């Protein structure tokens, strides 16, 4: 690979590292609704520890949402790196 190709790959990898997909507030809507439903059902049945149960489920749901975004982001990052490497190889074989 020539210097242009190496530079292209390096810039591509750097730009990927600087961008990170984070969940938005709308991604947590399901968690919020589920937490409220747990509290409502729990209180309706006069059960103990309603707030604690709801809070634990809410935190678990949030972790799952964040984990799923990290997984998706890592898959996108890997695909982008593969494309950048292939582009760099194509550029070097074409003499660019």
N, C-alpha and C. Protein backbone atom coordinates (compact mmCIF):
# COMPACT_ATOMS: atom_id res chain seq x y z
N UNK A 1 0.85 -1.19 0.00
CA UNK A 1 0.00 0.00 0.00
C UNK A 1 0.89 1.24 0.00
N UNK A 2 0.42 2.24 -0.71
CA UNK A 2 1.17 3.49 -0.72
C UNK A 2 0.72 4.39 0.43
N UNK A 3 1.36 5.52 0.58
CA UNK A 3 1.11 6.43 1.70
C UNK A 3 -0.32 6.98 1.69
N UNK A 4 -0.86 7.22 0.49
CA UNK A 4 -2.24 7.72 0.40
C UNK A 4 -3.22 6.69 0.96
N UNK A 5 -2.98 5.45 0.61
CA UNK A 5 -3.87 4.39 1.09
C UNK A 5 -3.80 4.25 2.59
N UNK A 6 -2.61 4.29 3.14
CA UNK A 6 -2.44 4.18 4.59
C UNK A 6 -3.12 5.37 5.27
N UNK A 7 -2.93 6.55 4.73
CA UNK A 7 -3.55 7.75 5.30
C UNK A 7 -5.07 7.62 5.26
N UNK A 8 -5.60 7.15 4.14
CA UNK A 8 -7.05 6.99 3.98
C UNK A 8 -7.61 6.03 5.04
N UNK A 9 -6.96 4.91 5.23
CA UNK A 9 -7.40 3.94 6.22
C UNK A 9 -7.30 4.55 7.62
N UNK A 10 -6.22 5.23 7.92
CA UNK A 10 -6.03 5.84 9.23
C UNK A 10 -7.12 6.88 9.53
N UNK A 11 -7.40 7.74 8.58
CA UNK A 11 -8.43 8.76 8.76
C UNK A 11 -9.80 8.09 8.94
N UNK A 12 -10.06 7.06 8.18
CA UNK A 12 -11.32 6.33 8.31
C UNK A 12 -11.48 5.71 9.69
N UNK A 13 -10.42 5.08 10.18
CA UNK A 13 -10.48 4.47 11.51
C UNK A 13 -10.64 5.52 12.60
N UNK A 14 -9.97 6.64 12.44
CA UNK A 14 -10.08 7.72 13.42
C UNK A 14 -11.48 8.28 13.46
N UNK A 15 -12.08 8.47 12.30
CA UNK A 15 -13.44 9.02 12.27
C UNK A 15 -14.43 8.06 12.90
N UNK A 16 -14.22 6.77 12.72
CA UNK A 16 -15.10 5.79 13.34
C UNK A 16 -14.94 5.83 14.86
N UNK A 17 -13.73 5.93 15.32
CA UNK A 17 -13.49 5.95 16.76
C UNK A 17 -14.11 7.17 17.43
N UNK A 18 -14.20 8.27 16.71
CA UNK A 18 -14.73 9.50 17.29
C UNK A 18 -16.26 9.56 17.28
N UNK A 19 -16.89 8.76 16.44
CA UNK A 19 -18.34 8.76 16.41
C UNK A 19 -18.85 7.53 17.14
N UNK A 20 -19.81 7.74 18.02
CA UNK A 20 -20.34 6.62 18.78
C UNK A 20 -21.85 6.76 18.85
N UNK A 21 -22.53 5.71 18.47
CA UNK A 21 -24.00 5.73 18.50
C UNK A 21 -24.47 5.54 19.93
N UNK A 22 -25.18 6.49 20.43
CA UNK A 22 -25.73 6.41 21.78
C UNK A 22 -27.24 6.33 21.69
N UNK A 23 -27.83 5.62 22.65
CA UNK A 23 -29.29 5.57 22.66
C UNK A 23 -29.87 6.95 22.93
N UNK A 24 -31.02 7.21 22.37
CA UNK A 24 -31.72 8.47 22.62
C UNK A 24 -32.81 8.21 23.67
N UNK A 25 -33.43 9.27 24.13
CA UNK A 25 -34.47 9.10 25.15
C UNK A 25 -35.62 8.24 24.64
N UNK A 26 -35.90 8.32 23.34
CA UNK A 26 -37.00 7.50 22.80
C UNK A 26 -36.68 6.00 22.84
N UNK A 27 -35.39 5.66 22.86
CA UNK A 27 -35.00 4.25 22.96
C UNK A 27 -35.35 3.66 24.32
N UNK A 28 -35.51 4.52 25.32
CA UNK A 28 -35.82 4.06 26.67
C UNK A 28 -37.31 4.12 26.99
N UNK A 29 -38.15 4.49 26.03
CA UNK A 29 -39.59 4.59 26.26
C UNK A 29 -40.16 3.27 26.75
N UNK A 30 -39.74 2.18 26.15
CA UNK A 30 -40.20 0.85 26.55
C UNK A 30 -39.87 0.58 28.01
N UNK A 31 -38.69 0.98 28.43
CA UNK A 31 -38.27 0.78 29.83
C UNK A 31 -39.14 1.59 30.78
N UNK A 32 -39.43 2.82 30.40
CA UNK A 32 -40.27 3.68 31.24
C UNK A 32 -41.67 3.10 31.39
N UNK A 33 -42.26 2.69 30.28
CA UNK A 33 -43.61 2.13 30.31
C UNK A 33 -43.67 0.85 31.12
N UNK A 34 -42.66 0.04 30.98
CA UNK A 34 -42.62 -1.23 31.72
C UNK A 34 -42.51 -0.97 33.22
N UNK A 35 -41.68 -0.02 33.60
CA UNK A 35 -41.50 0.31 35.02
C UNK A 35 -42.81 0.81 35.63
N UNK A 36 -43.53 1.64 34.90
CA UNK A 36 -44.81 2.16 35.38
C UNK A 36 -45.82 1.02 35.51
N UNK A 37 -45.85 0.14 34.52
CA UNK A 37 -46.78 -0.98 34.56
C UNK A 37 -46.50 -1.89 35.75
N UNK A 38 -45.25 -2.13 36.03
CA UNK A 38 -44.89 -2.98 37.18
C UNK A 38 -45.38 -2.36 38.48
N UNK A 39 -45.16 -1.06 38.64
CA UNK A 39 -45.61 -0.39 39.86
C UNK A 39 -47.14 -0.45 39.97
N UNK A 40 -47.84 -0.18 38.88
CA UNK A 40 -49.31 -0.19 38.91
C UNK A 40 -49.85 -1.56 39.29
N UNK A 41 -49.33 -2.60 38.67
CA UNK A 41 -49.81 -3.96 38.95
C UNK A 41 -49.46 -4.34 40.39
N UNK A 42 -48.26 -4.02 40.80
CA UNK A 42 -47.80 -4.35 42.14
C UNK A 42 -48.66 -3.66 43.20
N UNK A 43 -48.92 -2.38 43.02
CA UNK A 43 -49.73 -1.64 43.99
C UNK A 43 -51.19 -2.12 43.99
N UNK A 44 -51.69 -2.48 42.83
CA UNK A 44 -53.06 -2.97 42.72
C UNK A 44 -53.25 -4.25 43.54
N UNK A 45 -52.20 -5.04 43.62
CA UNK A 45 -52.27 -6.31 44.35
C UNK A 45 -51.70 -6.20 45.76
N UNK A 46 -51.44 -4.98 46.20
CA UNK A 46 -50.91 -4.73 47.55
C UNK A 46 -49.66 -5.56 47.86
N UNK A 47 -48.79 -5.65 46.88
CA UNK A 47 -47.55 -6.40 47.08
C UNK A 47 -46.49 -5.51 47.71
N UNK A 48 -45.47 -6.12 48.28
CA UNK A 48 -44.38 -5.38 48.91
C UNK A 48 -43.29 -5.06 47.89
N UNK A 49 -42.50 -4.07 48.23
CA UNK A 49 -41.31 -3.70 47.45
C UNK A 49 -41.62 -3.33 46.00
N UNK A 50 -42.73 -2.68 45.77
CA UNK A 50 -43.12 -2.32 44.40
C UNK A 50 -42.08 -1.41 43.74
N UNK A 51 -41.67 -0.39 44.48
CA UNK A 51 -40.71 0.56 43.90
C UNK A 51 -39.40 -0.14 43.57
N UNK A 52 -38.92 -0.98 44.48
CA UNK A 52 -37.66 -1.68 44.28
C UNK A 52 -37.74 -2.60 43.06
N UNK A 53 -38.81 -3.36 42.95
CA UNK A 53 -38.98 -4.26 41.80
C UNK A 53 -39.01 -3.48 40.49
N UNK A 54 -39.74 -2.38 40.49
CA UNK A 54 -39.85 -1.56 39.28
C UNK A 54 -38.49 -0.96 38.92
N UNK A 55 -37.80 -0.45 39.93
CA UNK A 55 -36.50 0.18 39.70
C UNK A 55 -35.48 -0.84 39.17
N UNK A 56 -35.47 -2.04 39.74
CA UNK A 56 -34.53 -3.07 39.28
C UNK A 56 -34.80 -3.46 37.83
N UNK A 57 -36.08 -3.61 37.49
CA UNK A 57 -36.43 -3.96 36.12
C UNK A 57 -36.07 -2.83 35.16
N UNK A 58 -36.31 -1.60 35.59
CA UNK A 58 -35.99 -0.42 34.77
C UNK A 58 -34.48 -0.37 34.48
N UNK A 59 -33.67 -0.57 35.51
CA UNK A 59 -32.22 -0.53 35.31
C UNK A 59 -31.75 -1.65 34.39
N UNK A 60 -32.33 -2.81 34.54
CA UNK A 60 -31.98 -3.94 33.68
C UNK A 60 -32.36 -3.64 32.22
N UNK A 61 -33.52 -3.06 32.03
CA UNK A 61 -33.98 -2.69 30.68
C UNK A 61 -33.04 -1.66 30.06
N UNK A 62 -32.64 -0.66 30.83
CA UNK A 62 -31.72 0.36 30.32
C UNK A 62 -30.39 -0.26 29.90
N UNK A 63 -29.88 -1.19 30.71
CA UNK A 63 -28.62 -1.86 30.36
C UNK A 63 -28.76 -2.62 29.06
N UNK A 64 -29.90 -3.28 28.88
CA UNK A 64 -30.14 -4.03 27.63
C UNK A 64 -30.17 -3.10 26.42
N UNK A 65 -30.81 -1.94 26.57
CA UNK A 65 -30.88 -0.97 25.47
C UNK A 65 -29.47 -0.48 25.12
N UNK A 66 -28.70 -0.13 26.13
CA UNK A 66 -27.33 0.36 25.91
C UNK A 66 -26.48 -0.73 25.27
N UNK A 67 -26.59 -1.96 25.76
CA UNK A 67 -25.83 -3.08 25.21
C UNK A 67 -26.19 -3.30 23.74
N UNK A 68 -27.48 -3.21 23.42
CA UNK A 68 -27.88 -3.43 22.03
C UNK A 68 -27.33 -2.34 21.12
N UNK A 69 -27.26 -1.11 21.60
CA UNK A 69 -26.68 -0.03 20.80
C UNK A 69 -25.18 -0.24 20.61
N UNK A 70 -24.50 -0.69 21.65
CA UNK A 70 -23.06 -0.95 21.53
C UNK A 70 -22.80 -2.06 20.53
N UNK A 71 -23.62 -3.12 20.58
CA UNK A 71 -23.46 -4.23 19.65
C UNK A 71 -23.67 -3.75 18.22
N UNK A 72 -24.75 -2.99 17.99
CA UNK A 72 -25.03 -2.48 16.66
C UNK A 72 -23.91 -1.56 16.18
N UNK A 73 -23.45 -0.68 17.08
CA UNK A 73 -22.37 0.24 16.72
C UNK A 73 -21.10 -0.53 16.36
N UNK A 74 -20.76 -1.54 17.13
CA UNK A 74 -19.55 -2.33 16.85
C UNK A 74 -19.66 -3.07 15.52
N UNK A 75 -20.84 -3.57 15.19
CA UNK A 75 -21.02 -4.23 13.90
C UNK A 75 -20.86 -3.24 12.75
N UNK A 76 -21.45 -2.04 12.91
CA UNK A 76 -21.30 -1.02 11.88
C UNK A 76 -19.84 -0.61 11.73
N UNK A 77 -19.14 -0.47 12.86
CA UNK A 77 -17.75 -0.07 12.83
C UNK A 77 -16.90 -1.12 12.10
N UNK A 78 -17.14 -2.39 12.40
CA UNK A 78 -16.37 -3.46 11.75
C UNK A 78 -16.63 -3.48 10.25
N UNK A 79 -17.87 -3.29 9.85
CA UNK A 79 -18.19 -3.27 8.41
C UNK A 79 -17.52 -2.09 7.73
N UNK A 80 -17.51 -0.93 8.38
CA UNK A 80 -16.88 0.26 7.82
C UNK A 80 -15.38 0.05 7.66
N UNK A 81 -14.76 -0.54 8.66
CA UNK A 81 -13.31 -0.81 8.58
C UNK A 81 -13.02 -1.74 7.41
N UNK A 82 -13.84 -2.78 7.27
CA UNK A 82 -13.63 -3.71 6.15
C UNK A 82 -13.76 -2.99 4.80
N UNK A 83 -14.77 -2.11 4.68
CA UNK A 83 -14.93 -1.36 3.42
C UNK A 83 -13.74 -0.45 3.18
N UNK A 84 -13.26 0.24 4.24
CA UNK A 84 -12.12 1.14 4.09
C UNK A 84 -10.87 0.38 3.66
N UNK A 85 -10.66 -0.78 4.23
CA UNK A 85 -9.50 -1.59 3.86
C UNK A 85 -9.61 -2.03 2.41
N UNK A 86 -10.81 -2.47 2.02
CA UNK A 86 -11.01 -2.89 0.63
C UNK A 86 -10.82 -1.72 -0.33
N UNK A 87 -11.33 -0.56 0.03
CA UNK A 87 -11.14 0.63 -0.80
C UNK A 87 -9.66 0.98 -0.93
N UNK A 88 -8.93 0.88 0.17
CA UNK A 88 -7.51 1.19 0.14
C UNK A 88 -6.76 0.19 -0.75
N UNK A 89 -7.15 -1.08 -0.68
CA UNK A 89 -6.52 -2.09 -1.53
C UNK A 89 -6.82 -1.80 -2.99
N UNK A 90 -8.08 -1.43 -3.27
CA UNK A 90 -8.46 -1.13 -4.64
C UNK A 90 -7.70 0.08 -5.17
N UNK A 91 -7.52 1.10 -4.32
CA UNK A 91 -6.78 2.28 -4.73
C UNK A 91 -5.33 1.94 -5.04
N UNK A 92 -4.73 1.07 -4.22
CA UNK A 92 -3.31 0.75 -4.44
C UNK A 92 -3.12 -0.11 -5.67
N UNK A 93 -4.10 -0.96 -6.00
CA UNK A 93 -3.96 -1.79 -7.21
C UNK A 93 -4.26 -0.97 -8.47
N UNK A 94 -5.03 0.08 -8.32
CA UNK A 94 -5.34 0.94 -9.47
C UNK A 94 -4.31 2.04 -9.67
N UNK A 95 -3.34 2.11 -8.77
CA UNK A 95 -2.27 3.10 -8.90
C UNK A 95 -2.67 4.50 -8.46
N UNK A 96 -3.67 4.62 -7.68
CA UNK A 96 -4.10 5.95 -7.22
C UNK A 96 -3.28 6.39 -6.03
